[in-house]
Amino acid sequence: MGTKKRNYSKSFKEKAVELSYHRDNIKDLAQELGIDVARIYKWRSNPISSKTVKSKQTISNIELEEMKRLKKELKNTQLELEILKKAVHIFSKSDGKSINL
């Protein structure tokens, strides 16, 4: 009793690879699709899935640039807040005297 080799369509392979990049647990995905988890990893390394991999990398690069920008903006905002806190502290030490600027 030999096992029959199953052939999967290109679109099925591409969709499985795409889903594998969006799921935390590839083993569960493989079980849901009724295939071996090693097959998904094989398809991921195949040129068939290069379109999906490239688009995933592009998205990651865009997201990485956005994260860098947001981190820089957050750092600047935190610095401005610290400066304002120090200014408030300095002006509150004036013993109630009015400071003319």
Protein backbone atom coordinates (compact mmCIF):
# COMPACT_ATOMS: atom_id res chain seq x y z
CA MET A 1 0.00 0.00 0.00
CA GLY A 2 1.91 3.02 -1.26
CA THR A 3 0.89 6.58 -0.65
CA LYS A 4 -0.40 8.57 -3.57
CA LYS A 5 1.52 11.78 -4.24
CA ARG A 6 -0.83 14.75 -4.18
CA ASN A 7 -0.38 17.60 -6.58
CA TYR A 8 -1.30 21.05 -5.39
CA SER A 9 -2.16 23.95 -7.66
CA LYS A 10 0.10 26.96 -7.89
CA SER A 11 -2.61 29.18 -6.40
CA PHE A 12 -3.05 26.80 -3.44
CA LYS A 13 0.70 26.84 -2.79
CA GLU A 14 0.87 30.63 -3.05
CA LYS A 15 -2.08 31.07 -0.70
CA ALA A 16 -0.61 28.61 1.82
CA VAL A 17 2.72 30.49 1.75
CA GLU A 18 0.96 33.85 2.11
CA LEU A 19 -1.07 32.57 5.07
CA SER A 20 2.07 31.16 6.68
CA TYR A 21 3.57 34.66 6.87
CA HIS A 22 0.46 35.99 8.62
CA ARG A 23 0.01 33.20 11.15
CA ASP A 24 1.87 32.71 14.41
CA ASN A 25 1.71 28.91 14.31
CA ILE A 26 2.54 27.35 10.95
CA LYS A 27 2.01 23.84 12.32
CA ASP A 28 -1.65 24.65 13.05
CA LEU A 29 -2.04 26.15 9.58
CA ALA A 30 -0.61 23.00 7.99
CA GLN A 31 -3.07 20.86 9.94
CA GLU A 32 -5.96 23.10 8.85
CA LEU A 33 -4.88 22.77 5.22
CA GLY A 34 -4.30 19.02 5.56
CA ILE A 35 -0.65 19.14 4.57
CA ASP A 36 2.69 18.47 6.21
CA VAL A 37 4.31 21.51 7.85
CA ALA A 38 7.59 20.75 6.04
CA ARG A 39 5.76 21.20 2.73
CA ILE A 40 4.90 24.80 3.65
CA TYR A 41 8.54 25.56 4.44
CA LYS A 42 9.56 23.95 1.14
CA TRP A 43 7.05 26.09 -0.75
CA ARG A 44 8.30 29.19 1.06
CA SER A 45 11.81 28.57 -0.26
CA ASN A 46 10.55 27.83 -3.80
CA PRO A 47 10.65 30.48 -6.55
CA ILE A 48 6.87 30.05 -6.92
CA SER A 49 6.39 31.94 -3.69
CA SER A 50 8.97 34.66 -4.44
CA LYS A 51 6.20 37.15 -5.35
CA THR A 52 4.59 36.65 -1.94
CA VAL A 53 7.91 36.79 -0.11
CA LYS A 54 8.95 39.99 -1.89
CA SER A 55 5.68 41.72 -1.08
CA LYS A 56 6.01 40.64 2.55
CA GLN A 57 9.55 42.05 2.66
CA THR A 58 8.39 45.31 1.10
CA ILE A 59 5.67 45.63 3.69
CA SER A 60 8.19 44.89 6.41
CA ASN A 61 10.59 47.54 5.09
CA ILE A 62 7.81 50.12 4.96
CA GLU A 63 6.72 49.21 8.47
CA LEU A 64 10.33 49.35 9.67
CA GLU A 65 10.78 52.86 8.27
CA GLU A 66 7.51 53.95 9.89
CA MET A 67 8.61 52.51 13.24
CA LYS A 68 11.94 54.35 13.01
CA ARG A 69 10.14 57.60 12.22
CA LEU A 70 7.68 57.14 15.08
CA LYS A 71 10.46 56.27 17.55
CA LYS A 72 12.34 59.42 16.57
CA GLU A 73 9.17 61.49 16.93
CA LEU A 74 8.46 59.93 20.33
CA LYS A 75 12.01 60.65 21.50
CA ASN A 76 11.70 64.29 20.44
CA THR A 77 8.32 64.63 22.15
CA GLN A 78 9.69 63.11 25.35
CA LEU A 79 12.64 65.52 25.24
CA GLU A 80 10.27 68.48 24.79
CA LEU A 81 8.19 67.27 27.73
CA GLU A 82 11.26 67.03 29.96
CA ILE A 83 12.27 70.57 29.00
CA LEU A 84 8.77 71.85 29.83
CA LYS A 85 8.80 70.04 33.19
CA LYS A 86 12.13 71.66 34.08
CA ALA A 87 10.83 75.07 33.03
CA VAL A 88 7.73 74.67 35.20
CA HIS A 89 9.94 73.60 38.11
CA ILE A 90 12.23 76.62 37.67
CA PHE A 91 9.33 79.08 37.42
CA SER A 92 7.56 77.56 40.42
CA LYS A 93 10.67 78.21 42.57
CA SER A 94 10.26 81.95 42.16
CA ASP A 95 8.57 82.20 45.60
CA GLY A 96 5.45 83.69 44.12
CA LYS A 97 7.32 86.60 42.63
CA SER A 98 6.34 87.54 39.15
CA ILE A 99 8.97 87.03 36.54
CA ASN A 100 8.96 89.48 33.67
CA LEU A 101 10.23 88.01 30.45
